N, C-alpha and C. Protein backbone atom coordinates (compact mmCIF):
# COMPACT_ATOMS: atom_id res chain seq x y z
N MET A 1 0.85 -1.18 0.00
CA MET A 1 0.00 0.00 0.00
C MET A 1 0.89 1.24 0.00
N CYS A 2 0.51 2.22 -0.77
CA CYS A 2 1.26 3.48 -0.83
C CYS A 2 0.75 4.40 0.27
N HIS A 3 1.54 4.58 1.32
CA HIS A 3 1.09 5.39 2.45
C HIS A 3 0.92 6.86 2.07
N PHE A 4 1.69 7.36 1.10
CA PHE A 4 1.54 8.76 0.68
C PHE A 4 0.14 8.97 0.10
N SER A 5 -0.28 8.04 -0.76
CA SER A 5 -1.61 8.14 -1.36
C SER A 5 -2.69 8.03 -0.30
N THR A 6 -2.51 7.10 0.63
CA THR A 6 -3.49 6.92 1.71
C THR A 6 -3.59 8.19 2.54
N ARG A 7 -2.47 8.74 2.94
CA ARG A 7 -2.47 9.95 3.77
C ARG A 7 -3.16 11.10 3.05
N ARG A 8 -2.88 11.28 1.78
CA ARG A 8 -3.49 12.37 1.01
C ARG A 8 -5.00 12.19 0.89
N GLU A 9 -5.45 10.98 0.55
CA GLU A 9 -6.88 10.72 0.39
C GLU A 9 -7.62 10.87 1.71
N VAL A 10 -7.03 10.38 2.79
CA VAL A 10 -7.65 10.50 4.10
C VAL A 10 -7.72 11.96 4.52
N ARG A 11 -6.65 12.70 4.32
CA ARG A 11 -6.62 14.12 4.69
C ARG A 11 -7.69 14.88 3.91
N GLN A 12 -7.87 14.58 2.63
CA GLN A 12 -8.90 15.25 1.83
C GLN A 12 -10.29 14.97 2.39
N LEU A 13 -10.54 13.74 2.83
CA LEU A 13 -11.82 13.41 3.43
C LEU A 13 -12.00 14.13 4.76
N LEU A 14 -10.97 14.11 5.60
CA LEU A 14 -11.07 14.73 6.92
C LEU A 14 -11.21 16.25 6.84
N ASP A 15 -10.69 16.86 5.79
CA ASP A 15 -10.84 18.31 5.62
C ASP A 15 -12.31 18.70 5.48
N GLN A 16 -13.17 17.76 5.09
CA GLN A 16 -14.60 18.02 4.92
C GLN A 16 -15.40 17.71 6.19
N ALA A 17 -14.75 17.12 7.19
CA ALA A 17 -15.45 16.67 8.40
C ALA A 17 -15.54 17.79 9.43
N LEU A 18 -16.62 17.78 10.22
CA LEU A 18 -16.74 18.69 11.35
C LEU A 18 -15.74 18.29 12.43
N THR A 19 -15.28 19.26 13.20
CA THR A 19 -14.51 18.94 14.40
C THR A 19 -15.50 18.58 15.51
N VAL A 20 -15.01 17.98 16.58
CA VAL A 20 -15.88 17.65 17.71
C VAL A 20 -16.52 18.93 18.25
N GLY A 21 -15.77 20.01 18.35
CA GLY A 21 -16.31 21.29 18.83
C GLY A 21 -17.42 21.82 17.94
N GLU A 22 -17.23 21.75 16.62
CA GLU A 22 -18.25 22.20 15.68
C GLU A 22 -19.51 21.34 15.79
N LEU A 23 -19.33 20.03 15.96
CA LEU A 23 -20.47 19.14 16.11
C LEU A 23 -21.26 19.47 17.37
N ILE A 24 -20.56 19.67 18.48
CA ILE A 24 -21.22 20.02 19.75
C ILE A 24 -21.99 21.32 19.60
N ASP A 25 -21.37 22.33 18.99
CA ASP A 25 -22.06 23.62 18.80
C ASP A 25 -23.33 23.46 17.97
N ARG A 26 -23.27 22.68 16.91
CA ARG A 26 -24.45 22.51 16.06
C ARG A 26 -25.54 21.69 16.74
N LEU A 27 -25.15 20.75 17.59
CA LEU A 27 -26.14 19.91 18.28
C LEU A 27 -26.87 20.67 19.38
N LYS A 28 -26.31 21.77 19.87
CA LYS A 28 -26.92 22.53 20.96
C LYS A 28 -28.29 23.09 20.61
N GLN A 29 -28.60 23.23 19.33
CA GLN A 29 -29.89 23.79 18.92
C GLN A 29 -31.02 22.78 19.01
N TYR A 30 -30.71 21.51 19.25
CA TYR A 30 -31.72 20.47 19.28
C TYR A 30 -32.02 20.03 20.71
N GLU A 31 -33.19 19.45 20.91
CA GLU A 31 -33.58 18.93 22.21
C GLU A 31 -32.63 17.82 22.64
N THR A 32 -32.25 17.82 23.91
CA THR A 32 -31.31 16.82 24.40
C THR A 32 -31.91 15.41 24.41
N GLY A 33 -33.22 15.29 24.37
CA GLY A 33 -33.86 13.97 24.34
C GLY A 33 -34.03 13.40 22.95
N ALA A 34 -33.68 14.16 21.90
CA ALA A 34 -33.82 13.67 20.54
C ALA A 34 -32.83 12.53 20.29
N LYS A 35 -33.26 11.53 19.55
CA LYS A 35 -32.40 10.39 19.20
C LYS A 35 -31.47 10.79 18.06
N ALA A 36 -30.28 10.20 18.04
CA ALA A 36 -29.29 10.51 17.01
C ALA A 36 -29.06 9.30 16.10
N VAL A 37 -29.15 9.54 14.80
CA VAL A 37 -28.83 8.51 13.82
C VAL A 37 -27.83 9.08 12.83
N PHE A 38 -27.16 8.19 12.13
CA PHE A 38 -26.22 8.58 11.08
C PHE A 38 -26.84 8.18 9.76
N GLY A 39 -26.87 9.11 8.81
CA GLY A 39 -27.41 8.81 7.48
C GLY A 39 -26.30 8.41 6.54
N SER A 40 -26.52 7.33 5.81
CA SER A 40 -25.51 6.83 4.88
C SER A 40 -26.19 6.37 3.59
N ASP A 41 -25.62 6.74 2.47
CA ASP A 41 -26.14 6.31 1.17
C ASP A 41 -25.99 4.79 1.07
N TYR A 42 -27.10 4.11 0.83
CA TYR A 42 -27.10 2.65 0.75
C TYR A 42 -26.30 2.14 -0.45
N GLY A 43 -26.17 2.97 -1.47
CA GLY A 43 -25.39 2.59 -2.65
C GLY A 43 -26.22 2.03 -3.79
N ASP A 44 -27.55 2.09 -3.64
CA ASP A 44 -28.40 1.59 -4.72
C ASP A 44 -28.62 2.69 -5.76
N ILE A 45 -29.32 2.36 -6.82
CA ILE A 45 -29.52 3.31 -7.92
C ILE A 45 -30.32 4.53 -7.49
N GLY A 46 -31.19 4.38 -6.48
CA GLY A 46 -31.99 5.50 -5.99
C GLY A 46 -31.32 6.29 -4.89
N HIS A 47 -30.11 5.88 -4.51
CA HIS A 47 -29.36 6.53 -3.41
C HIS A 47 -30.19 6.63 -2.13
N THR A 48 -30.78 5.50 -1.76
CA THR A 48 -31.56 5.42 -0.53
C THR A 48 -30.69 5.84 0.65
N LEU A 49 -31.22 6.75 1.47
CA LEU A 49 -30.49 7.19 2.65
C LEU A 49 -30.92 6.32 3.82
N GLN A 50 -30.01 5.44 4.25
CA GLN A 50 -30.33 4.56 5.37
C GLN A 50 -30.01 5.25 6.68
N ALA A 51 -30.81 4.98 7.70
CA ALA A 51 -30.62 5.56 9.03
C ALA A 51 -29.99 4.50 9.93
N LEU A 52 -28.83 4.83 10.47
CA LEU A 52 -28.13 3.91 11.37
C LEU A 52 -28.05 4.57 12.74
N PRO A 53 -28.55 3.91 13.79
CA PRO A 53 -28.52 4.52 15.12
C PRO A 53 -27.09 4.67 15.63
N ILE A 54 -26.82 5.83 16.22
CA ILE A 54 -25.51 6.04 16.84
C ILE A 54 -25.59 5.47 18.25
N ARG A 55 -24.81 4.44 18.51
CA ARG A 55 -24.83 3.76 19.80
C ARG A 55 -23.54 3.95 20.57
N VAL A 56 -22.44 4.17 19.83
CA VAL A 56 -21.12 4.19 20.45
C VAL A 56 -20.32 5.36 19.89
N ILE A 57 -19.55 6.00 20.76
CA ILE A 57 -18.60 7.04 20.34
C ILE A 57 -17.24 6.58 20.83
N GLU A 58 -16.32 6.40 19.88
CA GLU A 58 -14.99 5.88 20.21
C GLU A 58 -13.91 6.66 19.48
N HIS A 59 -12.71 6.65 20.05
CA HIS A 59 -11.56 7.24 19.37
C HIS A 59 -10.99 6.20 18.43
N LEU A 60 -10.70 6.60 17.21
CA LEU A 60 -10.26 5.69 16.16
C LEU A 60 -9.06 4.85 16.59
N ASN A 61 -8.00 5.48 17.08
CA ASN A 61 -6.78 4.75 17.41
C ASN A 61 -6.82 4.15 18.80
N ASP A 62 -7.22 4.95 19.79
CA ASP A 62 -7.13 4.51 21.19
C ASP A 62 -8.17 3.45 21.54
N ASP A 63 -9.41 3.64 21.13
CA ASP A 63 -10.48 2.72 21.52
C ASP A 63 -10.64 1.57 20.53
N LEU A 64 -10.53 1.87 19.25
CA LEU A 64 -10.80 0.87 18.23
C LEU A 64 -9.56 0.13 17.75
N GLY A 65 -8.37 0.69 17.98
CA GLY A 65 -7.16 0.07 17.45
C GLY A 65 -7.20 0.02 15.93
N SER A 66 -7.68 1.11 15.34
CA SER A 66 -7.89 1.17 13.90
C SER A 66 -7.25 2.42 13.31
N SER A 67 -7.22 2.45 12.00
CA SER A 67 -6.71 3.61 11.28
C SER A 67 -7.57 3.82 10.05
N LEU A 68 -7.46 4.98 9.44
CA LEU A 68 -8.15 5.28 8.19
C LEU A 68 -7.22 4.95 7.04
N VAL A 69 -7.74 4.23 6.05
CA VAL A 69 -6.95 3.84 4.89
C VAL A 69 -7.76 4.08 3.62
N ALA A 70 -7.06 4.33 2.52
CA ALA A 70 -7.72 4.46 1.23
C ALA A 70 -8.33 3.11 0.87
N SER A 71 -9.55 3.13 0.31
CA SER A 71 -10.23 1.88 -0.03
C SER A 71 -11.14 2.09 -1.23
N ALA A 72 -10.95 1.26 -2.23
CA ALA A 72 -11.81 1.29 -3.41
C ALA A 72 -13.19 0.70 -3.10
N TYR A 73 -13.31 0.01 -1.97
CA TYR A 73 -14.58 -0.62 -1.60
C TYR A 73 -15.50 0.31 -0.84
N SER A 74 -15.04 1.50 -0.51
CA SER A 74 -15.83 2.46 0.25
C SER A 74 -16.30 3.57 -0.67
N ASN A 75 -17.57 3.99 -0.52
CA ASN A 75 -18.09 5.09 -1.33
C ASN A 75 -17.31 6.38 -1.10
N SER A 76 -16.79 6.56 0.11
CA SER A 76 -16.03 7.77 0.42
C SER A 76 -14.59 7.68 -0.06
N GLY A 77 -14.15 6.47 -0.41
CA GLY A 77 -12.75 6.28 -0.80
C GLY A 77 -11.85 6.01 0.38
N VAL A 78 -12.42 6.01 1.60
CA VAL A 78 -11.64 5.79 2.83
C VAL A 78 -12.41 4.80 3.70
N ALA A 79 -11.67 3.89 4.34
CA ALA A 79 -12.28 2.89 5.22
C ALA A 79 -11.58 2.87 6.56
N ILE A 80 -12.26 2.33 7.57
CA ILE A 80 -11.67 2.11 8.89
C ILE A 80 -11.14 0.69 8.89
N GLU A 81 -9.85 0.55 9.16
CA GLU A 81 -9.22 -0.77 9.13
C GLU A 81 -8.53 -1.04 10.45
N THR A 82 -8.80 -2.20 11.03
CA THR A 82 -8.15 -2.60 12.28
C THR A 82 -6.70 -2.96 11.98
N PHE A 83 -5.81 -2.54 12.87
CA PHE A 83 -4.41 -2.87 12.69
C PHE A 83 -3.92 -3.66 13.89
N ASP A 84 -2.82 -4.38 13.68
CA ASP A 84 -2.19 -5.03 14.82
C ASP A 84 -0.85 -4.36 15.05
N ASP A 85 -0.13 -4.78 16.05
CA ASP A 85 1.12 -4.11 16.44
C ASP A 85 2.16 -4.10 15.34
N SER A 86 2.08 -5.03 14.39
CA SER A 86 3.08 -5.10 13.34
C SER A 86 2.79 -4.17 12.17
N ASP A 87 1.56 -3.66 12.10
CA ASP A 87 1.17 -2.77 11.00
C ASP A 87 1.79 -1.39 11.16
N ASP A 88 2.11 -0.77 10.03
CA ASP A 88 2.63 0.59 10.00
C ASP A 88 1.44 1.52 9.80
N GLN A 89 0.68 1.79 10.86
CA GLN A 89 -0.54 2.57 10.73
C GLN A 89 -0.25 4.07 10.68
N ILE A 90 -1.16 4.77 10.05
CA ILE A 90 -1.12 6.23 10.01
C ILE A 90 -2.17 6.71 10.99
N GLU A 91 -1.77 7.43 12.01
CA GLU A 91 -2.72 7.85 13.04
C GLU A 91 -3.32 9.22 12.69
N PHE A 92 -4.62 9.31 12.87
CA PHE A 92 -5.37 10.54 12.72
C PHE A 92 -6.20 10.73 13.98
N ASP A 93 -6.37 11.95 14.42
CA ASP A 93 -7.17 12.23 15.61
C ASP A 93 -8.63 12.30 15.18
N VAL A 94 -9.32 11.16 15.25
CA VAL A 94 -10.67 11.03 14.71
C VAL A 94 -11.56 10.32 15.74
N ILE A 95 -12.77 10.83 15.90
CA ILE A 95 -13.79 10.20 16.73
C ILE A 95 -14.76 9.50 15.78
N VAL A 96 -15.10 8.26 16.10
CA VAL A 96 -16.00 7.46 15.26
C VAL A 96 -17.35 7.30 15.97
N LEU A 97 -18.41 7.69 15.29
CA LEU A 97 -19.77 7.47 15.78
C LEU A 97 -20.28 6.23 15.09
N SER A 98 -20.69 5.23 15.86
CA SER A 98 -21.18 4.00 15.24
C SER A 98 -22.34 3.44 16.02
């Protein structure tokens, strides 16, 4: 895997993401009892927006033992991949809602 390409593609994706602070600020306008879901394009011809309940908030590297990598199998071009101690992972400060 070309780590330069992975780093560039991941950085481009992360540049479009909200920071935790921005997310908190935007959520303040909603009722605290409202349920939170994540919308994701199902990938069908009609681009059905599926609703996935947010159940867990974890840190990508510390909690999940994962990293972001370029992936042709992901609609975003980036996937979350679990690594082991022998992998040369690229760490990004990312919170994952799942």
